[in-house]
């Protein structure tokens, strides 16, 4: 059995009036993340971690923000594409551990739904997805509510 790990990090600016997609769900908030796609920072870090674990570069390589077909795209479609790349190479997801850094809104009430949605897109068990949330204690761009950051580590296996 071959075991590999990957790490992902992403940030997005928050802007008033935009929808806030996080973990594949629409989270009610006055501000949303700015980006070429729907700017779902959690899905983006999971994609990057999975791609990195399989040595397949990063999300920008596979889904460039210079390509108009990805303008406003649902990030769940990007995640499904990443899963297809992994499956074509014989990899399965062992587990995902992620952290969202955000002052507001509170993320914890939405975590169970995020896990359900992500598990469905990825074809894995909800128990294989850990999502945590924290603030930065009002420090930095996250603390000033100017942006959102996320981190993820993954384990993938090939029999």
N, C-alpha and C. Protein backbone atom coordinates (compact mmCIF):
# COMPACT_ATOMS: atom_id res chain seq x y z
N UNK A 1 0.85 -1.18 0.00
CA UNK A 1 0.00 0.00 0.00
C UNK A 1 0.90 1.25 0.00
N UNK A 2 0.52 2.22 -0.79
CA UNK A 2 1.26 3.48 -0.86
C UNK A 2 0.44 4.58 -0.18
N UNK A 3 1.05 5.29 0.75
CA UNK A 3 0.40 6.36 1.50
C UNK A 3 1.10 7.67 1.19
N UNK A 4 0.31 8.71 0.91
CA UNK A 4 0.88 10.04 0.62
C UNK A 4 0.06 11.09 1.38
N UNK A 5 0.72 12.18 1.75
CA UNK A 5 0.03 13.29 2.41
C UNK A 5 0.14 14.54 1.56
N UNK A 6 -0.79 15.46 1.76
CA UNK A 6 -0.76 16.73 1.06
C UNK A 6 -1.25 17.85 1.96
N UNK A 7 -0.88 19.06 1.60
CA UNK A 7 -1.23 20.25 2.39
C UNK A 7 -1.78 21.32 1.46
N UNK A 8 -2.79 22.03 1.90
CA UNK A 8 -3.34 23.14 1.13
C UNK A 8 -3.54 24.38 1.99
N UNK A 9 -3.36 25.53 1.37
CA UNK A 9 -3.58 26.83 2.03
C UNK A 9 -4.18 27.77 1.00
N UNK A 10 -5.18 28.55 1.40
CA UNK A 10 -5.78 29.53 0.50
C UNK A 10 -6.36 30.67 1.31
N UNK A 11 -6.45 31.82 0.68
CA UNK A 11 -7.10 32.99 1.26
C UNK A 11 -7.97 33.64 0.19
N UNK A 12 -9.02 34.29 0.63
CA UNK A 12 -9.85 35.09 -0.27
C UNK A 12 -10.26 36.36 0.47
N UNK A 13 -10.30 37.43 -0.27
CA UNK A 13 -10.79 38.70 0.26
C UNK A 13 -12.29 38.59 0.46
N UNK A 14 -12.80 39.22 1.52
CA UNK A 14 -14.23 39.30 1.76
C UNK A 14 -14.74 40.64 1.25
N UNK A 15 -15.91 40.60 0.62
CA UNK A 15 -16.48 41.81 0.05
C UNK A 15 -17.99 41.83 0.31
N UNK A 16 -18.48 42.98 0.70
CA UNK A 16 -19.90 43.13 1.01
C UNK A 16 -20.76 42.84 -0.22
N UNK A 17 -21.87 42.13 0.04
CA UNK A 17 -22.86 41.89 -1.01
C UNK A 17 -22.65 40.65 -1.85
N UNK A 18 -21.51 39.97 -1.67
CA UNK A 18 -21.27 38.74 -2.43
C UNK A 18 -21.82 37.53 -1.66
N UNK A 19 -22.22 36.47 -2.37
CA UNK A 19 -22.63 35.25 -1.66
C UNK A 19 -21.40 34.61 -1.02
N UNK A 20 -21.60 34.00 0.14
CA UNK A 20 -20.49 33.39 0.86
C UNK A 20 -20.60 31.87 0.81
N UNK A 21 -19.87 31.29 -0.14
CA UNK A 21 -19.81 29.83 -0.29
C UNK A 21 -18.65 29.30 0.53
N UNK A 22 -18.94 28.32 1.35
CA UNK A 22 -17.93 27.74 2.23
C UNK A 22 -18.25 26.27 2.43
N UNK A 23 -17.32 25.41 2.07
CA UNK A 23 -17.54 23.98 2.25
C UNK A 23 -18.68 23.44 1.41
N UNK A 24 -18.93 24.09 0.29
CA UNK A 24 -19.97 23.62 -0.62
C UNK A 24 -21.37 24.09 -0.30
N UNK A 25 -21.52 24.92 0.73
CA UNK A 25 -22.85 25.44 1.08
C UNK A 25 -22.84 26.96 1.09
N UNK A 26 -24.00 27.54 0.93
CA UNK A 26 -24.15 28.99 1.00
C UNK A 26 -24.39 29.37 2.46
N UNK A 27 -23.45 30.10 3.03
CA UNK A 27 -23.52 30.51 4.43
C UNK A 27 -24.08 31.93 4.49
N UNK A 28 -25.16 32.15 5.21
CA UNK A 28 -25.72 33.50 5.30
C UNK A 28 -24.74 34.47 5.95
N UNK A 29 -24.46 35.57 5.24
CA UNK A 29 -23.55 36.58 5.77
C UNK A 29 -23.66 37.83 4.89
N UNK A 30 -23.26 38.95 5.43
CA UNK A 30 -23.28 40.22 4.69
C UNK A 30 -22.16 40.30 3.66
N UNK A 31 -21.11 39.52 3.86
CA UNK A 31 -19.94 39.53 2.99
C UNK A 31 -19.70 38.14 2.41
N UNK A 32 -19.15 38.11 1.22
CA UNK A 32 -18.76 36.85 0.60
C UNK A 32 -17.34 36.95 0.10
N UNK A 33 -16.81 35.82 -0.30
CA UNK A 33 -15.42 35.76 -0.76
C UNK A 33 -15.34 36.15 -2.24
N UNK A 34 -14.32 36.91 -2.56
CA UNK A 34 -14.08 37.39 -3.91
C UNK A 34 -13.13 36.42 -4.61
N UNK A 35 -13.49 36.02 -5.83
CA UNK A 35 -12.62 35.13 -6.59
C UNK A 35 -13.15 34.90 -7.98
N UNK A 36 -12.37 34.20 -8.79
CA UNK A 36 -12.76 33.91 -10.17
C UNK A 36 -13.90 32.90 -10.19
N UNK A 37 -13.81 31.88 -9.34
CA UNK A 37 -14.89 30.89 -9.21
C UNK A 37 -15.87 31.41 -8.17
N UNK A 38 -16.56 30.51 -7.48
CA UNK A 38 -17.42 30.94 -6.37
C UNK A 38 -16.62 31.27 -5.12
N UNK A 39 -15.29 31.11 -5.18
CA UNK A 39 -14.34 31.50 -4.12
C UNK A 39 -14.54 30.72 -2.81
N UNK A 40 -14.90 29.44 -2.94
CA UNK A 40 -15.08 28.58 -1.76
C UNK A 40 -13.69 28.17 -1.25
N UNK A 41 -13.20 28.91 -0.28
CA UNK A 41 -11.83 28.73 0.22
C UNK A 41 -11.61 27.34 0.80
N UNK A 42 -12.61 26.75 1.42
CA UNK A 42 -12.42 25.42 2.01
C UNK A 42 -12.26 24.36 0.92
N UNK A 43 -13.11 24.41 -0.08
CA UNK A 43 -12.96 23.45 -1.17
C UNK A 43 -11.62 23.66 -1.89
N UNK A 44 -11.21 24.90 -2.05
CA UNK A 44 -9.95 25.15 -2.75
C UNK A 44 -8.75 24.55 -2.01
N UNK A 45 -8.73 24.65 -0.69
CA UNK A 45 -7.59 24.08 0.04
C UNK A 45 -7.62 22.56 0.02
N UNK A 46 -8.82 22.00 0.04
CA UNK A 46 -8.92 20.54 -0.05
C UNK A 46 -8.44 20.07 -1.42
N UNK A 47 -8.84 20.77 -2.48
CA UNK A 47 -8.36 20.44 -3.83
C UNK A 47 -6.83 20.51 -3.89
N UNK A 48 -6.26 21.60 -3.39
CA UNK A 48 -4.81 21.76 -3.42
C UNK A 48 -4.10 20.67 -2.63
N UNK A 49 -4.63 20.33 -1.47
CA UNK A 49 -4.01 19.28 -0.65
C UNK A 49 -4.06 17.93 -1.37
N UNK A 50 -5.20 17.62 -1.97
CA UNK A 50 -5.33 16.34 -2.70
C UNK A 50 -4.40 16.30 -3.91
N UNK A 51 -4.38 17.38 -4.66
CA UNK A 51 -3.51 17.44 -5.84
C UNK A 51 -2.04 17.34 -5.42
N UNK A 52 -1.68 18.03 -4.36
CA UNK A 52 -0.31 17.98 -3.89
C UNK A 52 0.09 16.58 -3.43
N UNK A 53 -0.81 15.91 -2.74
CA UNK A 53 -0.51 14.56 -2.26
C UNK A 53 -0.24 13.61 -3.43
N UNK A 54 -0.94 13.81 -4.53
CA UNK A 54 -0.77 12.96 -5.71
C UNK A 54 0.30 13.49 -6.66
N UNK A 55 0.99 14.55 -6.27
CA UNK A 55 2.01 15.21 -7.10
C UNK A 55 1.43 15.67 -8.44
N UNK A 56 0.26 16.31 -8.38
CA UNK A 56 -0.43 16.78 -9.57
C UNK A 56 -0.52 18.31 -9.61
N UNK A 57 0.45 18.97 -9.02
CA UNK A 57 0.53 20.43 -9.01
C UNK A 57 -0.57 21.04 -8.15
N UNK A 58 -1.29 22.07 -8.64
CA UNK A 58 -2.27 22.75 -7.79
C UNK A 58 -3.54 23.07 -8.57
N UNK A 59 -4.50 23.63 -7.87
CA UNK A 59 -5.81 23.91 -8.44
C UNK A 59 -5.71 24.91 -9.60
N UNK A 60 -4.82 25.89 -9.48
CA UNK A 60 -4.66 26.88 -10.55
C UNK A 60 -4.10 26.29 -11.83
N UNK A 61 -3.33 25.23 -11.72
CA UNK A 61 -2.79 24.55 -12.89
C UNK A 61 -3.91 23.85 -13.67
N UNK A 62 -4.79 23.18 -12.94
CA UNK A 62 -5.86 22.40 -13.58
C UNK A 62 -7.08 23.25 -13.96
N UNK A 63 -7.33 24.30 -13.18
CA UNK A 63 -8.51 25.14 -13.39
C UNK A 63 -8.09 26.61 -13.35
N UNK A 64 -7.36 27.08 -14.33
CA UNK A 64 -6.77 28.43 -14.27
C UNK A 64 -7.82 29.55 -14.26
N UNK A 65 -7.52 30.59 -13.48
CA UNK A 65 -8.44 31.73 -13.40
C UNK A 65 -8.39 32.60 -14.66
N UNK A 66 -7.54 32.24 -15.59
CA UNK A 66 -7.49 32.93 -16.89
C UNK A 66 -8.43 32.28 -17.90
N UNK A 67 -9.02 31.15 -17.53
CA UNK A 67 -9.93 30.43 -18.43
C UNK A 67 -11.37 30.83 -18.11
N UNK A 68 -12.07 31.44 -19.08
CA UNK A 68 -13.43 31.91 -18.82
C UNK A 68 -14.43 30.81 -18.44
N UNK A 69 -14.14 29.57 -18.79
CA UNK A 69 -15.08 28.50 -18.43
C UNK A 69 -15.20 28.30 -16.92
N UNK A 70 -14.21 28.80 -16.17
CA UNK A 70 -14.25 28.64 -14.71
C UNK A 70 -14.77 29.88 -13.99
N UNK A 71 -15.15 30.92 -14.73
CA UNK A 71 -15.69 32.14 -14.12
C UNK A 71 -16.99 31.80 -13.39
N UNK A 72 -17.01 32.03 -12.10
CA UNK A 72 -18.20 31.80 -11.29
C UNK A 72 -18.55 30.34 -11.07
N UNK A 73 -17.68 29.41 -11.44
CA UNK A 73 -17.99 27.99 -11.34
C UNK A 73 -18.19 27.56 -9.89
N UNK A 74 -19.08 26.63 -9.70
CA UNK A 74 -19.32 26.01 -8.40
C UNK A 74 -18.08 25.19 -8.06
N UNK A 75 -17.43 25.49 -6.96
CA UNK A 75 -16.19 24.80 -6.60
C UNK A 75 -16.40 23.31 -6.36
N UNK A 76 -17.64 22.89 -6.11
CA UNK A 76 -17.89 21.46 -5.97
C UNK A 76 -17.57 20.74 -7.28
N UNK A 77 -17.74 21.41 -8.41
CA UNK A 77 -17.38 20.82 -9.70
C UNK A 77 -15.86 20.68 -9.83
N UNK A 78 -15.12 21.64 -9.29
CA UNK A 78 -13.66 21.53 -9.28
C UNK A 78 -13.22 20.35 -8.42
N UNK A 79 -13.84 20.20 -7.26
CA UNK A 79 -13.52 19.09 -6.36
C UNK A 79 -13.83 17.75 -7.03
N UNK A 80 -14.94 17.67 -7.72
CA UNK A 80 -15.28 16.44 -8.43
C UNK A 80 -14.23 16.14 -9.50
N UNK A 81 -13.75 17.17 -10.17
CA UNK A 81 -12.69 16.98 -11.16
C UNK A 81 -11.39 16.48 -10.54
N UNK A 82 -11.06 17.01 -9.38
CA UNK A 82 -9.86 16.57 -8.66
C UNK A 82 -10.02 15.10 -8.25
N UNK A 83 -11.18 14.74 -7.77
CA UNK A 83 -11.42 13.35 -7.38
C UNK A 83 -11.28 12.41 -8.57
N UNK A 84 -11.72 12.84 -9.72
CA UNK A 84 -11.58 12.02 -10.92
C UNK A 84 -10.09 11.82 -11.26
N UNK A 85 -9.30 12.89 -11.15
CA UNK A 85 -7.86 12.78 -11.40
C UNK A 85 -7.22 11.77 -10.45
N UNK A 86 -7.61 11.80 -9.18
CA UNK A 86 -7.06 10.86 -8.20
C UNK A 86 -7.47 9.43 -8.51
N UNK A 87 -8.75 9.25 -8.82
CA UNK A 87 -9.26 7.91 -9.10
C UNK A 87 -8.59 7.32 -10.34
N UNK A 88 -8.34 8.15 -11.35
CA UNK A 88 -7.66 7.67 -12.56
C UNK A 88 -6.26 7.15 -12.25
N UNK A 89 -5.67 7.64 -11.16
CA UNK A 89 -4.33 7.22 -10.77
C UNK A 89 -4.35 6.18 -9.65
N UNK A 90 -5.53 5.72 -9.30
CA UNK A 90 -5.65 4.65 -8.31
C UNK A 90 -5.63 5.08 -6.86
N UNK A 91 -5.79 6.37 -6.59
CA UNK A 91 -5.78 6.85 -5.21
C UNK A 91 -7.18 6.93 -4.63
N UNK A 92 -7.24 6.69 -3.32
CA UNK A 92 -8.46 6.90 -2.54
C UNK A 92 -8.11 7.84 -1.39
N UNK A 93 -9.10 8.60 -0.96
CA UNK A 93 -8.89 9.51 0.17
C UNK A 93 -8.95 8.72 1.46
N UNK A 94 -7.92 8.89 2.29
CA UNK A 94 -7.92 8.29 3.62
C UNK A 94 -8.66 9.19 4.60
N UNK A 95 -8.21 10.43 4.69
CA UNK A 95 -8.91 11.40 5.52
C UNK A 95 -8.48 12.82 5.16
N UNK A 96 -9.28 13.77 5.62
CA UNK A 96 -9.04 15.20 5.42
C UNK A 96 -9.16 15.88 6.78
N UNK A 97 -8.22 16.76 7.08
CA UNK A 97 -8.29 17.59 8.28
C UNK A 97 -8.13 19.03 7.82
N UNK A 98 -9.10 19.87 8.15
CA UNK A 98 -9.08 21.25 7.67
C UNK A 98 -9.42 22.23 8.78
N UNK A 99 -8.95 23.47 8.57
CA UNK A 99 -9.25 24.56 9.51
C UNK A 99 -9.60 25.80 8.71
N UNK A 100 -10.69 26.44 9.09
CA UNK A 100 -11.14 27.70 8.49
C UNK A 100 -10.84 28.80 9.50
N UNK A 101 -10.20 29.89 9.06
CA UNK A 101 -9.89 31.03 9.92
C UNK A 101 -10.77 32.19 9.50
N UNK A 102 -11.67 32.59 10.40
CA UNK A 102 -12.70 33.58 10.06
C UNK A 102 -13.24 34.19 11.34
N UNK A 103 -13.37 35.51 11.36
CA UNK A 103 -13.95 36.16 12.53
C UNK A 103 -15.47 36.04 12.57
N UNK A 104 -16.10 36.22 11.41
CA UNK A 104 -17.56 36.15 11.33
C UNK A 104 -17.94 35.77 9.90
N UNK A 105 -19.01 35.04 9.74
CA UNK A 105 -19.94 34.51 10.73
C UNK A 105 -19.37 33.28 11.43
N UNK A 106 -20.09 32.83 12.44
CA UNK A 106 -19.69 31.61 13.14
C UNK A 106 -19.87 30.43 12.19
N UNK A 107 -18.85 29.61 12.08
CA UNK A 107 -18.84 28.50 11.14
C UNK A 107 -19.35 27.21 11.78
N UNK A 108 -19.12 27.01 13.07
CA UNK A 108 -19.45 25.74 13.72
C UNK A 108 -20.86 25.22 13.45
N UNK A 109 -21.90 26.07 13.44
CA UNK A 109 -23.24 25.54 13.18
C UNK A 109 -23.40 24.92 11.78
N UNK A 110 -22.52 25.28 10.86
CA UNK A 110 -22.63 24.83 9.47
C UNK A 110 -21.76 23.62 9.15
N UNK A 111 -20.91 23.23 10.07
CA UNK A 111 -19.96 22.15 9.80
C UNK A 111 -20.63 20.82 9.45
N UNK A 112 -21.66 20.39 10.17
CA UNK A 112 -22.28 19.10 9.79
C UNK A 112 -22.79 19.08 8.34
N UNK A 113 -23.41 20.17 7.89
CA UNK A 113 -23.89 20.23 6.51
C UNK A 113 -22.72 20.25 5.52
N UNK A 114 -21.67 20.99 5.85
CA UNK A 114 -20.48 21.01 4.98
C UNK A 114 -19.92 19.61 4.82
N UNK A 115 -19.80 18.88 5.91
CA UNK A 115 -19.26 17.52 5.86
C UNK A 115 -20.13 16.63 4.98
N UNK A 116 -21.45 16.75 5.11
CA UNK A 116 -22.37 15.94 4.30
C UNK A 116 -22.19 16.25 2.81
N UNK A 117 -22.15 17.53 2.49
CA UNK A 117 -22.02 17.94 1.09
C UNK A 117 -20.69 17.48 0.50
N UNK A 118 -19.61 17.74 1.21
CA UNK A 118 -18.29 17.36 0.72
C UNK A 118 -18.16 15.85 0.57
N UNK A 119 -18.66 15.10 1.55
CA UNK A 119 -18.61 13.64 1.47
C UNK A 119 -19.36 13.14 0.23
N UNK A 120 -20.50 13.76 -0.05
CA UNK A 120 -21.27 13.37 -1.23
C UNK A 120 -20.54 13.64 -2.52
N UNK A 121 -19.90 14.79 -2.61
CA UNK A 121 -19.15 15.14 -3.83
C UNK A 121 -17.96 14.19 -4.00
N UNK A 122 -17.30 13.86 -2.90
CA UNK A 122 -16.07 13.09 -2.97
C UNK A 122 -16.29 11.58 -2.95
N UNK A 123 -17.50 11.16 -2.57
CA UNK A 123 -17.77 9.73 -2.48
C UNK A 123 -17.03 9.06 -1.33
N UNK A 124 -16.89 9.80 -0.23
CA UNK A 124 -16.23 9.25 0.96
C UNK A 124 -17.16 9.42 2.16
N UNK A 125 -16.79 8.81 3.28
CA UNK A 125 -17.60 8.91 4.50
C UNK A 125 -17.42 10.27 5.16
N UNK A 126 -18.49 10.76 5.75
CA UNK A 126 -18.42 12.02 6.50
C UNK A 126 -17.37 11.96 7.60
N UNK A 127 -17.21 10.78 8.20
CA UNK A 127 -16.24 10.61 9.28
C UNK A 127 -14.81 10.79 8.82
N UNK A 128 -14.59 10.77 7.50
CA UNK A 128 -13.24 10.97 6.97
C UNK A 128 -12.91 12.44 6.72
N UNK A 129 -13.86 13.32 7.07
CA UNK A 129 -13.67 14.76 6.85
C UNK A 129 -13.77 15.50 8.18
N UNK A 130 -12.70 16.14 8.57
CA UNK A 130 -12.68 16.98 9.76
C UNK A 130 -12.64 18.44 9.32
N UNK A 131 -13.56 19.23 9.84
CA UNK A 131 -13.58 20.67 9.58
C UNK A 131 -13.59 21.37 10.93
N UNK A 132 -12.62 22.23 11.13
CA UNK A 132 -12.55 23.01 12.35
C UNK A 132 -12.61 24.48 11.97
N UNK A 133 -12.98 25.30 12.93
CA UNK A 133 -13.04 26.74 12.68
C UNK A 133 -12.41 27.47 13.86
N UNK A 134 -11.74 28.57 13.51
CA UNK A 134 -11.12 29.39 14.55
C UNK A 134 -11.13 30.85 14.09
N UNK A 135 -10.89 31.73 15.03
CA UNK A 135 -10.67 33.14 14.70
C UNK A 135 -9.17 33.39 14.78
N UNK A 136 -8.76 34.58 14.46
CA UNK A 136 -7.35 34.96 14.66
C UNK A 136 -7.24 35.98 15.79
N UNK A 137 -8.23 35.96 16.68
CA UNK A 137 -8.22 36.86 17.84
C UNK A 137 -8.07 38.32 17.42
N UNK A 138 -8.75 38.66 16.32
CA UNK A 138 -8.79 40.01 15.77
C UNK A 138 -7.45 40.51 15.24
N UNK A 139 -6.54 39.58 14.95
CA UNK A 139 -5.23 39.94 14.39
C UNK A 139 -5.21 39.73 12.88
N UNK A 140 -4.48 40.57 12.18
CA UNK A 140 -4.28 40.40 10.74
C UNK A 140 -5.51 40.66 9.90
N UNK A 141 -5.41 40.29 8.59
CA UNK A 141 -6.52 40.56 7.68
C UNK A 141 -7.76 39.77 8.04
N UNK A 142 -7.59 38.58 8.61
CA UNK A 142 -8.75 37.81 9.05
C UNK A 142 -9.39 38.50 10.25
N UNK A 143 -8.58 38.92 11.18
CA UNK A 143 -9.07 39.60 12.38
C UNK A 143 -9.79 40.91 12.07
N UNK A 144 -9.34 41.58 11.01
CA UNK A 144 -10.00 42.82 10.60
C UNK A 144 -11.21 42.56 9.71
N UNK A 145 -11.53 41.28 9.51
CA UNK A 145 -12.68 40.85 8.69
C UNK A 145 -12.54 41.24 7.23
N UNK A 146 -11.30 41.32 6.77
CA UNK A 146 -11.03 41.65 5.36
C UNK A 146 -10.96 40.41 4.50
N UNK A 147 -10.77 39.25 5.13
CA UNK A 147 -10.62 38.02 4.35
C UNK A 147 -10.83 36.78 5.19
N UNK A 148 -10.78 35.66 4.48
CA UNK A 148 -10.92 34.34 5.09
C UNK A 148 -9.73 33.51 4.64
N UNK A 149 -9.24 32.67 5.52
CA UNK A 149 -8.13 31.77 5.20
C UNK A 149 -8.54 30.35 5.59
N UNK A 150 -7.93 29.38 4.94
CA UNK A 150 -8.19 27.99 5.28
C UNK A 150 -6.94 27.16 5.02
N UNK A 151 -6.84 26.07 5.77
CA UNK A 151 -5.75 25.12 5.66
C UNK A 151 -6.34 23.72 5.61
N UNK A 152 -5.66 22.81 4.92
CA UNK A 152 -6.09 21.41 4.92
C UNK A 152 -4.89 20.50 4.75
N UNK A 153 -4.96 19.37 5.44
CA UNK A 153 -4.03 18.28 5.19
C UNK A 153 -4.87 17.07 4.81
N UNK A 154 -4.32 16.26 3.93
CA UNK A 154 -5.03 15.06 3.48
C UNK A 154 -4.08 13.88 3.49
N UNK A 155 -4.68 12.71 3.56
CA UNK A 155 -3.96 11.47 3.38
C UNK A 155 -4.65 10.72 2.25
N UNK A 156 -3.86 10.28 1.28
CA UNK A 156 -4.42 9.47 0.20
C UNK A 156 -3.67 8.14 0.17
N UNK A 157 -4.33 7.10 -0.31
CA UNK A 157 -3.74 5.77 -0.35
C UNK A 157 -3.97 5.13 -1.70
N UNK A 158 -2.99 4.30 -2.08
CA UNK A 158 -3.12 3.50 -3.30
C UNK A 158 -2.83 2.06 -2.90
N UNK A 159 -3.76 1.20 -3.19
CA UNK A 159 -3.58 -0.23 -2.84
C UNK A 159 -2.52 -0.85 -3.73
